Amino acid sequence: MELTILGNTVRHAVEHVEVFPAPAGISIVTLANDELASMCPVTEQPDLSSVVIEYVPNGWCIESKSLKLYLWGFRDRAVFAEALSAEIASEVMTTAQPERVTVTLTQRPRGGIEVEAVTTLTR
């Protein structure tokens, strides 16, 4: 696969993450972001979350700049935390094709309630 984002100026969200060949010896990769923004699908109020993506590579690794731009695409999307966790896990599984991926999304409290949604997919 060819990397088209890294090394280029990209000023918009992207629909998919990009991948590169996994180096030998890599057994687990963890990527974290504490600035994931989305909107509540009922009230359209902003939701802020942190997300941790852990995967076991099977030939490919996720390029981090493309992940940042992929996550940026949720800032204007109305989506529940649980669906957001599942969508991110599905994107990683489809694009990077790991042995396993676990996405832990923690939505910051609003109304005093913190939501943590965990999605695990296995090949």
PDB file of N, CA and C in Angstrom:
ATOM      1  N   MET A   1       0.831  -1.181   0.000  1.00  0.00           N
ATOM      2  CA  MET A   1       0.000   0.000   0.000  1.00  0.00           C
ATOM      3  C   MET A   1       0.878   1.247   0.000  1.00  0.00           C
ATOM      4  N   GLU A   2       0.420   2.252  -0.672  1.00  0.00           N
ATOM      5  CA  GLU A   2       1.157   3.504  -0.760  1.00  0.00           C
ATOM      6  C   GLU A   2       0.624   4.498   0.267  1.00  0.00           C
ATOM      7  N   LEU A   3       1.531   5.136   1.010  1.00  0.00           N
ATOM      8  CA  LEU A   3       1.141   6.176   1.958  1.00  0.00           C
ATOM      9  C   LEU A   3       0.966   7.488   1.207  1.00  0.00           C
ATOM     10  N   THR A   4      -0.217   8.083   1.316  1.00  0.00           N
ATOM     11  CA  THR A   4      -0.495   9.326   0.597  1.00  0.00           C
ATOM     12  C   THR A   4      -0.619  10.525   1.528  1.00  0.00           C
ATOM     13  N   ILE A   5      -0.728  10.280   2.833  1.00  0.00           N
ATOM     14  CA  ILE A   5      -0.961  11.363   3.786  1.00  0.00           C
ATOM     15  C   ILE A   5       0.336  11.816   4.448  1.00  0.00           C
ATOM     16  N   LEU A   6       1.120  10.864   4.937  1.00  0.00           N
ATOM     17  CA  LEU A   6       2.364  11.193   5.628  1.00  0.00           C
ATOM     18  C   LEU A   6       3.294  11.952   4.692  1.00  0.00           C
ATOM     19  N   GLY A   7       3.807  13.087   5.170  1.00  0.00           N
ATOM     20  CA  GLY A   7       4.707  13.893   4.357  1.00  0.00           C
ATOM     21  C   GLY A   7       4.005  14.904   3.479  1.00  0.00           C
ATOM     22  N   ASN A   8       2.668  14.892   3.504  1.00  0.00           N
ATOM     23  CA  ASN A   8       1.896  15.843   2.706  1.00  0.00           C
ATOM     24  C   ASN A   8       1.022  16.693   3.616  1.00  0.00           C
ATOM     25  N   THR A   9       0.664  17.871   3.147  1.00  0.00           N
ATOM     26  CA  THR A   9      -0.248  18.730   3.885  1.00  0.00           C
ATOM     27  C   THR A   9      -1.668  18.282   3.583  1.00  0.00           C
ATOM     28  N   VAL A  10      -2.356  17.845   4.625  1.00  0.00           N
ATOM     29  CA  VAL A  10      -3.749  17.416   4.493  1.00  0.00           C
ATOM     30  C   VAL A  10      -4.543  18.199   5.519  1.00  0.00           C
ATOM     31  N   ARG A  11      -5.529  18.948   5.063  1.00  0.00           N
ATOM     32  CA  ARG A  11      -6.288  19.829   5.949  1.00  0.00           C
ATOM     33  C   ARG A  11      -7.755  19.427   6.052  1.00  0.00           C
ATOM     34  N   HIS A  12      -7.999  18.133   5.964  1.00  0.00           N
ATOM     35  CA  HIS A  12      -9.375  17.650   6.047  1.00  0.00           C
ATOM     36  C   HIS A  12      -9.369  16.244   6.641  1.00  0.00           C
ATOM     37  N   ALA A  13     -10.507  15.835   7.129  1.00  0.00           N
ATOM     38  CA  ALA A  13     -10.640  14.475   7.653  1.00  0.00           C
ATOM     39  C   ALA A  13     -10.548  13.483   6.495  1.00  0.00           C
ATOM     40  N   VAL A  14     -10.163  12.250   6.824  1.00  0.00           N
ATOM     41  CA  VAL A  14     -10.081  11.192   5.815  1.00  0.00           C
ATOM     42  C   VAL A  14     -11.021  10.060   6.213  1.00  0.00           C
ATOM     43  N   GLU A  15     -11.445   9.274   5.234  1.00  0.00           N
ATOM     44  CA  GLU A  15     -12.422   8.219   5.487  1.00  0.00           C
ATOM     45  C   GLU A  15     -11.810   6.927   6.001  1.00  0.00           C
ATOM     46  N   HIS A  16     -10.509   6.706   5.719  1.00  0.00           N
ATOM     47  CA  HIS A  16      -9.871   5.461   6.114  1.00  0.00           C
ATOM     48  C   HIS A  16      -8.444   5.715   6.587  1.00  0.00           C
ATOM     49  N   VAL A  17      -7.982   4.868   7.496  1.00  0.00           N
ATOM     50  CA  VAL A  17      -6.581   4.952   7.911  1.00  0.00           C
ATOM     51  C   VAL A  17      -5.704   4.332   6.836  1.00  0.00           C
ATOM     52  N   GLU A  18      -4.448   4.735   6.824  1.00  0.00           N
ATOM     53  CA  GLU A  18      -3.475   4.128   5.918  1.00  0.00           C
ATOM     54  C   GLU A  18      -2.580   3.196   6.722  1.00  0.00           C
ATOM     55  N   VAL A  19      -1.985   2.238   6.041  1.00  0.00           N
ATOM     56  CA  VAL A  19      -1.142   1.247   6.706  1.00  0.00           C
ATOM     57  C   VAL A  19       0.199   1.122   6.003  1.00  0.00           C
ATOM     58  N   PHE A  20       1.160   0.575   6.742  1.00  0.00           N
ATOM     59  CA  PHE A  20       2.482   0.286   6.180  1.00  0.00           C
ATOM     60  C   PHE A  20       2.889  -1.104   6.664  1.00  0.00           C
ATOM     61  N   PRO A  21       3.850  -1.739   6.001  1.00  0.00           N
ATOM     62  CA  PRO A  21       4.261  -3.087   6.411  1.00  0.00           C
ATOM     63  C   PRO A  21       4.780  -3.103   7.851  1.00  0.00           C
ATOM     64  N   ALA A  22       4.293  -4.049   8.628  1.00  0.00           N
ATOM     65  CA  ALA A  22       4.710  -4.175  10.021  1.00  0.00           C
ATOM     66  C   ALA A  22       6.152  -4.668  10.096  1.00  0.00           C
ATOM     67  N   PRO A  23       6.981  -4.016  10.894  1.00  0.00           N
ATOM     68  CA  PRO A  23       8.347  -4.485  11.078  1.00  0.00           C
ATOM     69  C   PRO A  23       8.347  -5.851  11.778  1.00  0.00           C
ATOM     70  N   ALA A  24       9.353  -6.638  11.534  1.00  0.00           N
ATOM     71  CA  ALA A  24       9.486  -7.932  12.203  1.00  0.00           C
ATOM     72  C   ALA A  24       9.604  -7.725  13.707  1.00  0.00           C
ATOM     73  N   GLY A  25       8.998  -8.611  14.461  1.00  0.00           N
ATOM     74  CA  GLY A  25       9.131  -8.590  15.908  1.00  0.00           C
ATOM     75  C   GLY A  25       8.105  -7.764  16.655  1.00  0.00           C
ATOM     76  N   ILE A  26       7.244  -7.060  15.962  1.00  0.00           N
ATOM     77  CA  ILE A  26       6.222  -6.254  16.630  1.00  0.00           C
ATOM     78  C   ILE A  26       5.056  -7.164  17.010  1.00  0.00           C
ATOM     79  N   SER A  27       4.733  -7.224  18.305  1.00  0.00           N
ATOM     80  CA  SER A  27       3.658  -8.122  18.726  1.00  0.00           C
ATOM     81  C   SER A  27       2.376  -7.393  19.101  1.00  0.00           C
ATOM     82  N   ILE A  28       2.488  -6.186  19.637  1.00  0.00           N
ATOM     83  CA  ILE A  28       1.304  -5.399  19.990  1.00  0.00           C
ATOM     84  C   ILE A  28       1.598  -3.931  19.701  1.00  0.00           C
ATOM     85  N   VAL A  29       0.621  -3.234  19.144  1.00  0.00           N
ATOM     86  CA  VAL A  29       0.726  -1.795  18.926  1.00  0.00           C
ATOM     87  C   VAL A  29      -0.430  -1.131  19.663  1.00  0.00           C
ATOM     88  N   THR A  30      -0.124  -0.074  20.412  1.00  0.00           N
ATOM     89  CA  THR A  30      -1.148   0.689  21.118  1.00  0.00           C
ATOM     90  C   THR A  30      -1.090   2.140  20.655  1.00  0.00           C
ATOM     91  N   LEU A  31      -2.231   2.658  20.245  1.00  0.00           N
ATOM     92  CA  LEU A  31      -2.362   4.058  19.826  1.00  0.00           C
ATOM     93  C   LEU A  31      -3.403   4.708  20.735  1.00  0.00           C
ATOM     94  N   ALA A  32      -3.142   5.921  21.192  1.00  0.00           N
ATOM     95  CA  ALA A  32      -4.074   6.592  22.102  1.00  0.00           C
ATOM     96  C   ALA A  32      -4.290   8.032  21.676  1.00  0.00           C
ATOM     97  N   ASN A  33      -5.504   8.499  21.911  1.00  0.00           N
ATOM     98  CA  ASN A  33      -5.863   9.886  21.608  1.00  0.00           C
ATOM     99  C   ASN A  33      -6.838  10.335  22.683  1.00  0.00           C
ATOM    100  N   ASP A  34      -6.563  11.489  23.307  1.00  0.00           N
ATOM    101  CA  ASP A  34      -7.471  11.969  24.348  1.00  0.00           C
ATOM    102  C   ASP A  34      -8.277  13.195  23.911  1.00  0.00           C
ATOM    103  N   GLU A  35      -8.377  13.400  22.606  1.00  0.00           N
ATOM    104  CA  GLU A  35      -9.089  14.569  22.087  1.00  0.00           C
ATOM    105  C   GLU A  35     -10.123  14.196  21.028  1.00  0.00           C
ATOM    106  N   LEU A  36     -10.748  13.035  21.145  1.00  0.00           N
ATOM    107  CA  LEU A  36     -11.729  12.601  20.158  1.00  0.00           C
ATOM    108  C   LEU A  36     -13.047  13.329  20.398  1.00  0.00           C
ATOM    109  N   ALA A  37     -13.502  14.061  19.405  1.00  0.00           N
ATOM    110  CA  ALA A  37     -14.744  14.822  19.516  1.00  0.00           C
ATOM    111  C   ALA A  37     -15.814  14.213  18.612  1.00  0.00           C
ATOM    112  N   SER A  38     -17.033  14.198  19.130  1.00  0.00           N
ATOM    113  CA  SER A  38     -18.201  13.777  18.353  1.00  0.00           C
ATOM    114  C   SER A  38     -19.399  14.544  18.920  1.00  0.00           C
ATOM    115  N   MET A  39     -20.591  14.175  18.483  1.00  0.00           N
ATOM    116  CA  MET A  39     -21.798  14.843  18.981  1.00  0.00           C
ATOM    117  C   MET A  39     -22.784  13.803  19.484  1.00  0.00           C
ATOM    118  N   CYS A  40     -23.557  14.183  20.485  1.00  0.00           N
ATOM    119  CA  CYS A  40     -24.633  13.330  20.960  1.00  0.00           C
ATOM    120  C   CYS A  40     -25.689  13.246  19.855  1.00  0.00           C
ATOM    121  N   PRO A  41     -26.133  12.033  19.505  1.00  0.00           N
ATOM    122  CA  PRO A  41     -27.106  11.913  18.422  1.00  0.00           C
ATOM    123  C   PRO A  41     -28.504  12.408  18.794  1.00  0.00           C
ATOM    124  N   VAL A  42     -28.764  12.643  20.074  1.00  0.00           N
ATOM    125  CA  VAL A  42     -30.081  13.129  20.485  1.00  0.00           C
ATOM    126  C   VAL A  42     -30.077  14.638  20.673  1.00  0.00           C
ATOM    127  N   THR A  43     -29.103  15.134  21.458  1.00  0.00           N
ATOM    128  CA  THR A  43     -29.081  16.562  21.788  1.00  0.00           C
ATOM    129  C   THR A  43     -28.182  17.385  20.884  1.00  0.00           C
ATOM    130  N   GLU A  44     -27.292  16.711  20.148  1.00  0.00           N
ATOM    131  CA  GLU A  44     -26.275  17.347  19.316  1.00  0.00           C
ATOM    132  C   GLU A  44     -25.282  18.179  20.123  1.00  0.00           C
ATOM    133  N   GLN A  45     -25.215  17.933  21.422  1.00  0.00           N
ATOM    134  CA  GLN A  45     -24.191  18.566  22.243  1.00  0.00           C
ATOM    135  C   GLN A  45     -22.864  17.876  21.963  1.00  0.00           C
ATOM    136  N   PRO A  46     -21.754  18.592  22.132  1.00  0.00           N
ATOM    137  CA  PRO A  46     -20.451  17.961  21.878  1.00  0.00           C
ATOM    138  C   PRO A  46     -20.123  16.908  22.930  1.00  0.00           C
ATOM    139  N   ASP A  47     -19.533  15.832  22.484  1.00  0.00           N
ATOM    140  CA  ASP A  47     -19.008  14.790  23.359  1.00  0.00           C
ATOM    141  C   ASP A  47     -17.508  14.723  23.158  1.00  0.00           C
ATOM    142  N   LEU A  48     -16.763  14.657  24.241  1.00  0.00           N
ATOM    143  CA  LEU A  48     -15.311  14.524  24.179  1.00  0.00           C
ATOM    144  C   LEU A  48     -14.941  13.180  24.788  1.00  0.00           C
ATOM    145  N   SER A  49     -14.054  12.479  24.110  1.00  0.00           N
ATOM    146  CA  SER A  49     -13.674  11.141  24.538  1.00  0.00           C
ATOM    147  C   SER A  49     -12.179  10.935  24.401  1.00  0.00           C
ATOM    148  N   SER A  50     -11.692   9.935  25.111  1.00  0.00           N
ATOM    149  CA  SER A  50     -10.360   9.415  24.853  1.00  0.00           C
ATOM    150  C   SER A  50     -10.552   8.031  24.243  1.00  0.00           C
ATOM    151  N   VAL A  51      -9.600   7.638  23.416  1.00  0.00           N
ATOM    152  CA  VAL A  51      -9.697   6.335  22.777  1.00  0.00           C
ATOM    153  C   VAL A  51      -8.320   5.674  22.813  1.00  0.00           C
ATOM    154  N   VAL A  52      -8.317   4.385  23.121  1.00  0.00           N
ATOM    155  CA  VAL A  52      -7.105   3.576  23.087  1.00  0.00           C
ATOM    156  C   VAL A  52      -7.373   2.430  22.125  1.00  0.00           C
ATOM    157  N   ILE A  53      -6.507   2.305  21.138  1.00  0.00           N
ATOM    158  CA  ILE A  53      -6.611   1.246  20.125  1.00  0.00           C
ATOM    159  C   ILE A  53      -5.409   0.338  20.316  1.00  0.00           C
ATOM    160  N   GLU A  54      -5.673  -0.926  20.612  1.00  0.00           N
ATOM    161  CA  GLU A  54      -4.598  -1.896  20.765  1.00  0.00           C
ATOM    162  C   GLU A  54      -4.832  -3.018  19.766  1.00  0.00           C
ATOM    163  N   TYR A  55      -3.799  -3.328  18.978  1.00  0.00           N
ATOM    164  CA  TYR A  55      -3.971  -4.394  17.995  1.00  0.00           C
ATOM    165  C   TYR A  55      -2.724  -5.245  17.868  1.00  0.00           C
ATOM    166  N   VAL A  56      -2.946  -6.463  17.404  1.00  0.00           N
ATOM    167  CA  VAL A  56      -1.876  -7.415  17.147  1.00  0.00           C
ATOM    168  C   VAL A  56      -1.685  -7.457  15.637  1.00  0.00           C
ATOM    169  N   PRO A  57      -0.601  -6.855  15.125  1.00  0.00           N
ATOM    170  CA  PRO A  57      -0.416  -6.765  13.678  1.00  0.00           C
ATOM    171  C   PRO A  57      -0.340  -8.142  13.004  1.00  0.00           C
ATOM    172  N   ASN A  58      -0.844  -8.171  11.793  1.00  0.00           N
ATOM    173  CA  ASN A  58      -0.754  -9.359  10.949  1.00  0.00           C
ATOM    174  C   ASN A  58      -0.269  -8.908   9.574  1.00  0.00           C
ATOM    175  N   GLY A  59       0.902  -8.254   9.578  1.00  0.00           N
ATOM    176  CA  GLY A  59       1.467  -7.801   8.316  1.00  0.00           C
ATOM    177  C   GLY A  59       1.416  -6.298   8.101  1.00  0.00           C
ATOM    178  N   TRP A  60       0.510  -5.600   8.816  1.00  0.00           N
ATOM    179  CA  TRP A  60       0.348  -4.156   8.587  1.00  0.00           C
ATOM    180  C   TRP A  60       0.268  -3.403   9.903  1.00  0.00           C
ATOM    181  N   CYS A  61       0.766  -2.164   9.886  1.00  0.00           N
ATOM    182  CA  CYS A  61       0.634  -1.238  11.015  1.00  0.00           C
ATOM    183  C   CYS A  61      -0.102   0.011  10.534  1.00  0.00           C
ATOM    184  N   ILE A  62      -0.811   0.644  11.441  1.00  0.00           N
ATOM    185  CA  ILE A  62      -1.561   1.865  11.132  1.00  0.00           C
ATOM    186  C   ILE A  62      -0.619   3.062  11.171  1.00  0.00           C
ATOM    187  N   GLU A  63      -0.678   3.887  10.158  1.00  0.00           N
ATOM    188  CA  GLU A  63       0.105   5.126  10.107  1.00  0.00           C
ATOM    189  C   GLU A  63      -0.623   6.160  10.964  1.00  0.00           C
ATOM    190  N   SER A  64       0.073   6.755  11.926  1.00  0.00           N
ATOM    191  CA  SER A  64      -0.578   7.569  12.956  1.00  0.00           C
ATOM    192  C   SER A  64      -1.187   8.880  12.448  1.00  0.00           C
ATOM    193  N   LYS A  65      -0.577   9.526  11.462  1.00  0.00           N
ATOM    194  CA  LYS A  65      -1.159  10.774  10.956  1.00  0.00           C
ATOM    195  C   LYS A  65      -2.502  10.494  10.292  1.00  0.00           C
ATOM    196  N   SER A  66      -2.595   9.404   9.558  1.00  0.00           N
ATOM    197  CA  SER A  66      -3.878   9.067   8.929  1.00  0.00           C
ATOM    198  C   SER A  66      -4.921   8.727   9.990  1.00  0.00           C
ATOM    199  N   LEU A  67      -4.497   8.113  11.106  1.00  0.00           N
ATOM    200  CA  LEU A  67      -5.436   7.832  12.194  1.00  0.00           C
ATOM    201  C   LEU A  67      -5.963   9.135  12.779  1.00  0.00           C
ATOM    202  N   LYS A  68      -5.070  10.094  13.003  1.00  0.00           N
ATOM    203  CA  LYS A  68      -5.490  11.399  13.539  1.00  0.00           C
ATOM    204  C   LYS A  68      -6.538  12.038  12.631  1.00  0.00           C
ATOM    205  N   LEU A  69      -6.296  12.001  11.336  1.00  0.00           N
ATOM    206  CA  LEU A  69      -7.233  12.612  10.393  1.00  0.00           C
ATOM    207  C   LEU A  69      -8.527  11.803  10.263  1.00  0.00           C
ATOM    208  N   TYR A  70      -8.446  10.488  10.432  1.00  0.00           N
ATOM    209  CA  TYR A  70      -9.647   9.647  10.434  1.00  0.00           C
ATOM    210  C   TYR A  70     -10.512   9.996  11.649  1.00  0.00           C
ATOM    211  N   LEU A  71      -9.888  10.081  12.826  1.00  0.00           N
ATOM    212  CA  LEU A  71     -10.640  10.407  14.035  1.00  0.00           C
ATOM    213  C   LEU A  71     -11.221  11.816  13.972  1.00  0.00           C
ATOM    214  N   TRP A  72     -10.547  12.712  13.293  1.00  0.00           N
ATOM    215  CA  TRP A  72     -11.018  14.090  13.125  1.00  0.00           C
ATOM    216  C   TRP A  72     -12.387  14.102  12.446  1.00  0.00           C
ATOM    217  N   GLY A  73     -12.659  13.139  11.607  1.00  0.00           N
ATOM    218  CA  GLY A  73     -13.923  13.073  10.874  1.00  0.00           C
ATOM    219  C   GLY A  73     -15.143  12.872  11.751  1.00  0.00           C
ATOM    220  N   PHE A  74     -14.964  12.502  13.019  1.00  0.00           N
ATOM    221  CA  PHE A  74     -16.108  12.287  13.908  1.00  0.00           C
ATOM    222  C   PHE A  74     -16.573  13.562  14.597  1.00  0.00           C
ATOM    223  N   ARG A  75     -15.821  14.654  14.470  1.00  0.00           N
ATOM    224  CA  ARG A  75     -16.131  15.867  15.226  1.00  0.00           C
ATOM    225  C   ARG A  75     -17.503  16.442  14.909  1.00  0.00           C
ATOM    226  N   ASP A  76     -18.021  16.231  13.724  1.00  0.00           N
ATOM    227  CA  ASP A  76     -19.333  16.745  13.340  1.00  0.00           C
ATOM    228  C   ASP A  76     -20.359  15.623  13.158  1.00  0.00           C
ATOM    229  N   ARG A  77     -20.029  14.440  13.678  1.00  0.00           N
ATOM    230  CA  ARG A  77     -20.922  13.290  13.528  1.00  0.00           C
ATOM    231  C   ARG A  77     -21.678  13.030  14.814  1.00  0.00           C
ATOM    232  N   ALA A  78     -22.945  12.767  14.685  1.00  0.00           N
ATOM    233  CA  ALA A  78     -23.776  12.412  15.822  1.00  0.00           C
ATOM    234  C   ALA A  78     -23.738  10.890  15.979  1.00  0.00           C
ATOM    235  N   VAL A  79     -23.114  10.422  17.081  1.00  0.00           N
ATOM    236  CA  VAL A  79     -22.929   8.987  17.272  1.00  0.00           C
ATOM    237  C   VAL A  79     -22.796   8.675  18.769  1.00  0.00           C
ATOM    238  N   PHE A  80     -23.443   7.594  19.201  1.00  0.00           N
ATOM    239  CA  PHE A  80     -23.289   7.145  20.579  1.00  0.00           C
ATOM    240  C   PHE A  80     -21.886   6.580  20.786  1.00  0.00           C
ATOM    241  N   ALA A  81     -21.377   6.647  22.008  1.00  0.00           N
ATOM    242  CA  ALA A  81     -20.030   6.173  22.327  1.00  0.00           C
ATOM    243  C   ALA A  81     -19.852   4.705  21.943  1.00  0.00           C
ATOM    244  N   GLU A  82     -20.852   3.896  22.190  1.00  0.00           N
ATOM    245  CA  GLU A  82     -20.760   2.471  21.898  1.00  0.00           C
ATOM    246  C   GLU A  82     -20.611   2.218  20.398  1.00  0.00           C
ATOM    247  N   ALA A  83     -21.369   2.944  19.608  1.00  0.00           N
ATOM    248  CA  ALA A  83     -21.285   2.804  18.147  1.00  0.00           C
ATOM    249  C   ALA A  83     -19.950   3.341  17.627  1.00  0.00           C
ATOM    250  N   LEU A  84     -19.456   4.385  18.249  1.00  0.00           N
ATOM    251  CA  LEU A  84     -18.179   4.966  17.836  1.00  0.00           C
ATOM    252  C   LEU A  84     -17.035   3.977  18.091  1.00  0.00           C
ATOM    253  N   SER A  85     -17.046   3.325  19.243  1.00  0.00           N
ATOM    254  CA  SER A  85     -16.035   2.310  19.545  1.00  0.00           C
ATOM    255  C   SER A  85     -16.081   1.188  18.511  1.00  0.00           C
ATOM    256  N   ALA A  86     -17.263   0.715  18.203  1.00  0.00           N
ATOM    257  CA  ALA A  86     -17.418  -0.381  17.236  1.00  0.00           C
ATOM    258  C   ALA A  86     -16.981   0.041  15.834  1.00  0.00           C
ATOM    259  N   GLU A  87     -17.279   1.275  15.442  1.00  0.00           N
ATOM    260  CA  GLU A  87     -16.908   1.754  14.108  1.00  0.00           C
ATOM    261  C   GLU A  87     -15.390   1.868  13.955  1.00  0.00           C
ATOM    262  N   ILE A  88     -14.728   2.371  14.980  1.00  0.00           N
ATOM    263  CA  ILE A  88     -13.269   2.493  14.926  1.00  0.00           C
ATOM    264  C   ILE A  88     -12.635   1.106  14.862  1.00  0.00           C
ATOM    265  N   ALA A  89     -13.121   0.174  15.677  1.00  0.00           N
ATOM    266  CA  ALA A  89     -12.588  -1.194  15.655  1.00  0.00           C
ATOM    267  C   ALA A  89     -12.787  -1.837  14.290  1.00  0.00           C
ATOM    268  N   SER A  90     -13.926  -1.611  13.689  1.00  0.00           N
ATOM    269  CA  SER A  90     -14.209  -2.163  12.357  1.00  0.00           C
ATOM    270  C   SER A  90     -13.268  -1.583  11.307  1.00  0.00           C
ATOM    271  N   GLU A  91     -12.987  -0.284  11.395  1.00  0.00           N
ATOM    272  CA  GLU A  91     -12.059   0.358  10.457  1.00  0.00           C
ATOM    273  C   GLU A  91     -10.664  -0.256  10.581  1.00  0.00           C
ATOM    274  N   VAL A  92     -10.206  -0.446  11.801  1.00  0.00           N
ATOM    275  CA  VAL A  92      -8.881  -1.038  12.014  1.00  0.00           C
ATOM    276  C   VAL A  92      -8.858  -2.468  11.477  1.00  0.00           C
ATOM    277  N   MET A  93      -9.888  -3.235  11.768  1.00  0.00           N
ATOM    278  CA  MET A  93      -9.929  -4.633  11.321  1.00  0.00           C
ATOM    279  C   MET A  93      -9.968  -4.717   9.796  1.00  0.00           C
ATOM    280  N   THR A  94     -10.730  -3.856   9.168  1.00  0.00           N
ATOM    281  CA  THR A  94     -10.856  -3.880   7.708  1.00  0.00           C
ATOM    282  C   THR A  94      -9.576  -3.419   7.019  1.00  0.00           C
ATOM    283  N   THR A  95      -8.995  -2.344   7.510  1.00  0.00           N
ATOM    284  CA  THR A  95      -7.854  -1.728   6.829  1.00  0.00           C
ATOM    285  C   THR A  95      -6.524  -2.387   7.179  1.00  0.00           C
ATOM    286  N   ALA A  96      -6.261  -2.578   8.462  1.00  0.00           N
ATOM    287  CA  ALA A  96      -4.970  -3.129   8.886  1.00  0.00           C
ATOM    288  C   ALA A  96      -4.975  -4.655   8.974  1.00  0.00           C
ATOM    289  N   GLN A  97      -6.149  -5.254   9.029  1.00  0.00           N
ATOM    290  CA  GLN A  97      -6.314  -6.709   9.068  1.00  0.00           C
ATOM    291  C   GLN A  97      -5.483  -7.375  10.168  1.00  0.00           C
ATOM    292  N   PRO A  98      -5.565  -6.858  11.416  1.00  0.00           N
ATOM    293  CA  PRO A  98      -4.792  -7.458  12.500  1.00  0.00           C
ATOM    294  C   PRO A  98      -5.393  -8.792  12.949  1.00  0.00           C
ATOM    295  N   GLU A  99      -4.622  -9.501  13.762  1.00  0.00           N
ATOM    296  CA  GLU A  99      -5.142 -10.730  14.373  1.00  0.00           C
ATOM    297  C   GLU A  99      -6.278 -10.399  15.342  1.00  0.00           C
ATOM    298  N   ARG A 100      -6.091  -9.295  16.082  1.00  0.00           N
ATOM    299  CA  ARG A 100      -7.072  -8.861  17.076  1.00  0.00           C
ATOM    300  C   ARG A 100      -6.957  -7.359  17.240  1.00  0.00           C
ATOM    301  N   VAL A 101      -8.085  -6.709  17.506  1.00  0.00           N
ATOM    302  CA  VAL A 101      -8.085  -5.290  17.847  1.00  0.00           C
ATOM    303  C   VAL A 101      -9.042  -5.072  19.014  1.00  0.00           C
ATOM    304  N   THR A 102      -8.615  -4.234  19.950  1.00  0.00           N
ATOM    305  CA  THR A 102      -9.492  -3.811  21.038  1.00  0.00           C
ATOM    306  C   THR A 102      -9.494  -2.294  21.067  1.00  0.00           C
ATOM    307  N   VAL A 103     -10.675  -1.719  21.027  1.00  0.00           N
ATOM    308  CA  VAL A 103     -10.839  -0.270  21.110  1.00  0.00           C
ATOM    309  C   VAL A 103     -11.570   0.033  22.411  1.00  0.00           C
ATOM    310  N   THR A 104     -10.935   0.860  23.244  1.00  0.00           N
ATOM    311  CA  THR A 104     -11.552   1.302  24.490  1.00  0.00           C
ATOM    312  C   THR A 104     -11.796   2.794  24.374  1.00  0.00           C
ATOM    313  N   LEU A 105     -13.058   3.162  24.353  1.00  0.00           N
ATOM    314  CA  LEU A 105     -13.441   4.557  24.221  1.00  0.00           C
ATOM    315  C   LEU A 105     -14.052   5.008  25.541  1.00  0.00           C
ATOM    316  N   THR A 106     -13.512   6.086  26.106  1.00  0.00           N
ATOM    317  CA  THR A 106     -14.033   6.620  27.354  1.00  0.00           C
ATOM    318  C   THR A 106     -14.550   8.027  27.095  1.00  0.00           C
ATOM    319  N   GLN A 107     -15.861   8.172  27.199  1.00  0.00           N
ATOM    320  CA  GLN A 107     -16.492   9.471  26.970  1.00  0.00           C
ATOM    321  C   GLN A 107     -16.493  10.251  28.277  1.00  0.00           C
ATOM    322  N   ARG A 108     -16.008  11.479  28.219  1.00  0.00           N
ATOM    323  CA  ARG A 108     -15.936  12.311  29.421  1.00  0.00           C
ATOM    324  C   ARG A 108     -17.341  12.524  29.991  1.00  0.00           C
ATOM    325  N   PRO A 109     -17.406  12.683  31.301  1.00  0.00           N
ATOM    326  CA  PRO A 109     -18.718  12.816  31.938  1.00  0.00           C
ATOM    327  C   PRO A 109     -19.498  14.026  31.441  1.00  0.00           C
ATOM    328  N   ARG A 110     -20.755  13.781  31.212  1.00  0.00           N
ATOM    329  CA  ARG A 110     -21.728  14.842  30.959  1.00  0.00           C
ATOM    330  C   ARG A 110     -22.943  14.442  31.774  1.00  0.00           C
ATOM    331  N   GLY A 111     -23.404  15.319  32.628  1.00  0.00           N
ATOM    332  CA  GLY A 111     -24.475  14.940  33.537  1.00  0.00           C
ATOM    333  C   GLY A 111     -23.996  13.985  34.615  1.00  0.00           C
ATOM    334  N   GLY A 112     -22.662  13.968  34.849  1.00  0.00           N
ATOM    335  CA  GLY A 112     -22.100  13.150  35.908  1.00  0.00           C
ATOM    336  C   GLY A 112     -21.835  11.704  35.533  1.00  0.00           C
ATOM    337  N   ILE A 113     -22.110  11.305  34.301  1.00  0.00           N
ATOM    338  CA  ILE A 113     -21.935   9.910  33.902  1.00  0.00           C
ATOM    339  C   ILE A 113     -20.831   9.796  32.868  1.00  0.00           C
ATOM    340  N   GLU A 114     -19.841   8.946  33.176  1.00  0.00           N
ATOM    341  CA  GLU A 114     -18.783   8.630  32.231  1.00  0.00           C
ATOM    342  C   GLU A 114     -19.161   7.322  31.543  1.00  0.00           C
ATOM    343  N   VAL A 115     -18.965   7.262  30.246  1.00  0.00           N
ATOM    344  CA  VAL A 115     -19.273   6.055  29.483  1.00  0.00           C
ATOM    345  C   VAL A 115     -17.972   5.459  28.985  1.00  0.00           C
ATOM    346  N   GLU A 116     -17.779   4.145  29.212  1.00  0.00           N
ATOM    347  CA  GLU A 116     -16.652   3.435  28.644  1.00  0.00           C
ATOM    348  C   GLU A 116     -17.211   2.307  27.798  1.00  0.00           C
ATOM    349  N   ALA A 117     -16.837   2.304  26.524  1.00  0.00           N
ATOM    350  CA  ALA A 117     -17.287   1.268  25.581  1.00  0.00           C
ATOM    351  C   ALA A 117     -16.064   0.545  25.046  1.00  0.00           C
ATOM    352  N   VAL A 118     -16.075  -0.777  25.129  1.00  0.00           N
ATOM    353  CA  VAL A 118     -14.950  -1.585  24.668  1.00  0.00           C
ATOM    354  C   VAL A 118     -15.450  -2.511  23.571  1.00  0.00           C
ATOM    355  N   THR A 119     -14.732  -2.493  22.453  1.00  0.00           N
ATOM    356  CA  THR A 119     -15.033  -3.378  21.323  1.00  0.00           C
ATOM    357  C   THR A 119     -13.795  -4.193  21.027  1.00  0.00           C
ATOM    358  N   THR A 120     -13.936  -5.505  20.967  1.00  0.00           N
ATOM    359  CA  THR A 120     -12.839  -6.390  20.598  1.00  0.00           C
ATOM    360  C   THR A 120     -13.277  -7.221  19.394  1.00  0.00           C
ATOM    361  N   LEU A 121     -12.459  -7.189  18.356  1.00  0.00           N
ATOM    362  CA  LEU A 121     -12.703  -8.001  17.170  1.00  0.00           C
ATOM    363  C   LEU A 121     -11.496  -8.897  16.947  1.00  0.00           C
ATOM    364  N   THR A 122     -11.754 -10.123  16.523  1.00  0.00           N
ATOM    365  CA  THR A 122     -10.706 -11.107  16.286  1.00  0.00           C
ATOM    366  C   THR A 122     -10.876 -11.689  14.900  1.00  0.00           C
ATOM    367  N   ARG A 123      -9.756 -11.872  14.207  1.00  0.00           N
ATOM    368  CA  ARG A 123      -9.788 -12.471  12.882  1.00  0.00           C
ATOM    369  C   ARG A 123     -10.034 -13.944  13.011  1.00  0.00           C
TER     370      ARG A 123
END
